[in-house]
Amino acid sequence: LLVTLMGQFVQAEVKTAAGRADAIIKTADTVYVFEFKMHGTAEEALKQINTKDYLIPYTVDGRKLVKIGAAFNEKERGLSRWIMERG
């Protein structure tokens, strides 16, 4: 909701041929692909983005591509680690 209020286009649970990206945020010059893990690591989330080729639909778009894998800590109820990688 906050990202939408900032004027950016957000999609959740975006289906692809090989899976479903948790979130896609599109700005004027960049497409951000997010994968979130509650019972996993940020590295596993980033690996899923790569393995399931979540960026393929956006490669001809002309915008920069950024992958973000994020892990949440269930006990602390917050973000424990995130990794960002350019597509």
C-alpha atoms as a PDB file:
ATOM      1  CA  LEU A   1       0.000   0.000   0.000  1.00  0.00           C
ATOM      2  CA  LEU A   2       2.799   2.427   0.877  1.00  0.00           C
ATOM      3  CA  VAL A   3       4.568   1.876  -2.435  1.00  0.00           C
ATOM      4  CA  THR A   4       1.322   2.457  -4.335  1.00  0.00           C
ATOM      5  CA  LEU A   5       0.724   5.669  -2.390  1.00  0.00           C
ATOM      6  CA  MET A   6       4.193   6.802  -3.498  1.00  0.00           C
ATOM      7  CA  GLY A   7       2.951   6.536  -7.087  1.00  0.00           C
ATOM      8  CA  GLN A   8       4.616   3.266  -8.089  1.00  0.00           C
ATOM      9  CA  PHE A   9       2.988   0.272  -9.769  1.00  0.00           C
ATOM     10  CA  VAL A  10       2.926  -2.836  -7.537  1.00  0.00           C
ATOM     11  CA  GLN A  11       1.773  -6.374  -8.311  1.00  0.00           C
ATOM     12  CA  ALA A  12       1.621  -9.246  -5.809  1.00  0.00           C
ATOM     13  CA  GLU A  13       1.861 -12.978  -6.516  1.00  0.00           C
ATOM     14  CA  VAL A  14       2.782 -12.463 -10.178  1.00  0.00           C
ATOM     15  CA  LYS A  15       2.489 -15.696 -12.169  1.00  0.00           C
ATOM     16  CA  THR A  16       5.225 -16.740 -14.571  1.00  0.00           C
ATOM     17  CA  ALA A  17       5.730 -19.882 -16.640  1.00  0.00           C
ATOM     18  CA  ALA A  18       7.806 -21.499 -13.864  1.00  0.00           C
ATOM     19  CA  GLY A  19       6.310 -20.112 -10.668  1.00  0.00           C
ATOM     20  CA  ARG A  20       5.052 -17.035  -8.887  1.00  0.00           C
ATOM     21  CA  ALA A  21       7.053 -13.971  -7.824  1.00  0.00           C
ATOM     22  CA  ASP A  22       5.936 -12.569  -4.470  1.00  0.00           C
ATOM     23  CA  ALA A  23       5.990  -8.945  -5.622  1.00  0.00           C
ATOM     24  CA  ILE A  24       6.929  -6.802  -8.614  1.00  0.00           C
ATOM     25  CA  ILE A  25       7.414  -3.045  -8.314  1.00  0.00           C
ATOM     26  CA  LYS A  26       7.749  -0.985 -11.489  1.00  0.00           C
ATOM     27  CA  THR A  27       9.172   2.519 -11.458  1.00  0.00           C
ATOM     28  CA  ALA A  28       9.933   4.775 -14.413  1.00  0.00           C
ATOM     29  CA  ASP A  29      13.424   3.313 -14.863  1.00  0.00           C
ATOM     30  CA  THR A  30      13.566   0.055 -12.846  1.00  0.00           C
ATOM     31  CA  VAL A  31      11.667  -3.187 -12.313  1.00  0.00           C
ATOM     32  CA  TYR A  32      12.146  -4.758  -8.866  1.00  0.00           C
ATOM     33  CA  VAL A  33      11.369  -8.450  -8.361  1.00  0.00           C
ATOM     34  CA  PHE A  34      10.897  -9.572  -4.738  1.00  0.00           C
ATOM     35  CA  GLU A  35      10.850 -13.036  -3.219  1.00  0.00           C
ATOM     36  CA  PHE A  36      10.134 -13.353   0.514  1.00  0.00           C
ATOM     37  CA  LYS A  37      10.920 -16.302   2.792  1.00  0.00           C
ATOM     38  CA  MET A  38       9.546 -16.856   6.285  1.00  0.00           C
ATOM     39  CA  HIS A  39      11.140 -20.262   6.820  1.00  0.00           C
ATOM     40  CA  GLY A  40      14.189 -19.812   4.640  1.00  0.00           C
ATOM     41  CA  THR A  41      17.080 -17.525   3.865  1.00  0.00           C
ATOM     42  CA  ALA A  42      17.530 -14.463   1.702  1.00  0.00           C
ATOM     43  CA  GLU A  43      19.955 -16.536  -0.373  1.00  0.00           C
ATOM     44  CA  GLU A  44      17.230 -19.132  -0.994  1.00  0.00           C
ATOM     45  CA  ALA A  45      14.827 -16.379  -2.027  1.00  0.00           C
ATOM     46  CA  LEU A  46      17.336 -14.918  -4.494  1.00  0.00           C
ATOM     47  CA  LYS A  47      18.096 -18.391  -5.838  1.00  0.00           C
ATOM     48  CA  GLN A  48      14.371 -18.928  -6.476  1.00  0.00           C
ATOM     49  CA  ILE A  49      14.190 -15.716  -8.515  1.00  0.00           C
ATOM     50  CA  ASN A  50      17.115 -16.942 -10.626  1.00  0.00           C
ATOM     51  CA  THR A  51      16.042 -20.586 -10.902  1.00  0.00           C
ATOM     52  CA  LYS A  52      12.475 -19.790 -11.892  1.00  0.00           C
ATOM     53  CA  ASP A  53      13.496 -16.948 -14.239  1.00  0.00           C
ATOM     54  CA  TYR A  54      11.116 -14.381 -12.776  1.00  0.00           C
ATOM     55  CA  LEU A  55      12.908 -11.606 -14.715  1.00  0.00           C
ATOM     56  CA  ILE A  56      12.317 -13.018 -18.196  1.00  0.00           C
ATOM     57  CA  PRO A  57       9.055 -11.123 -18.860  1.00  0.00           C
ATOM     58  CA  TYR A  58      10.843  -7.825 -18.159  1.00  0.00           C
ATOM     59  CA  THR A  59      14.105  -8.295 -20.091  1.00  0.00           C
ATOM     60  CA  VAL A  60      12.839  -6.566 -23.245  1.00  0.00           C
ATOM     61  CA  ASP A  61      11.285  -3.738 -21.232  1.00  0.00           C
ATOM     62  CA  GLY A  62      14.397  -1.538 -21.367  1.00  0.00           C
ATOM     63  CA  ARG A  63      14.337  -0.731 -17.649  1.00  0.00           C
ATOM     64  CA  LYS A  64      16.994  -1.758 -15.141  1.00  0.00           C
ATOM     65  CA  LEU A  65      16.227  -5.061 -13.413  1.00  0.00           C
ATOM     66  CA  VAL A  66      16.776  -5.630  -9.698  1.00  0.00           C
ATOM     67  CA  LYS A  67      16.241  -8.878  -7.778  1.00  0.00           C
ATOM     68  CA  ILE A  68      15.610  -8.766  -4.029  1.00  0.00           C
ATOM     69  CA  GLY A  69      15.561 -11.841  -1.824  1.00  0.00           C
ATOM     70  CA  ALA A  70      14.318 -11.240   1.702  1.00  0.00           C
ATOM     71  CA  ALA A  71      14.043 -13.424   4.789  1.00  0.00           C
ATOM     72  CA  PHE A  72      11.840 -12.749   7.785  1.00  0.00           C
ATOM     73  CA  ASN A  73      12.503 -13.797  11.367  1.00  0.00           C
ATOM     74  CA  GLU A  74       9.371 -15.395  12.774  1.00  0.00           C
ATOM     75  CA  LYS A  75      10.387 -14.959  16.420  1.00  0.00           C
ATOM     76  CA  GLU A  76      11.362 -11.287  16.124  1.00  0.00           C
ATOM     77  CA  ARG A  77       8.578 -10.605  13.624  1.00  0.00           C
ATOM     78  CA  GLY A  78      10.697  -8.604  11.261  1.00  0.00           C
ATOM     79  CA  LEU A  79      13.055  -8.600   8.331  1.00  0.00           C
ATOM     80  CA  SER A  80      16.229 -10.475   9.253  1.00  0.00           C
ATOM     81  CA  ARG A  81      18.231 -10.230   6.013  1.00  0.00           C
ATOM     82  CA  TRP A  82      17.866  -9.116   2.437  1.00  0.00           C
ATOM     83  CA  ILE A  83      20.055  -9.360  -0.660  1.00  0.00           C
ATOM     84  CA  MET A  84      19.825  -7.170  -3.740  1.00  0.00           C
ATOM     85  CA  GLU A  85      21.315  -8.101  -7.101  1.00  0.00           C
ATOM     86  CA  ARG A  86      21.083  -6.440 -10.485  1.00  0.00           C
ATOM     87  CA  GLY A  87      19.438  -8.499 -13.195  1.00  0.00           C
END
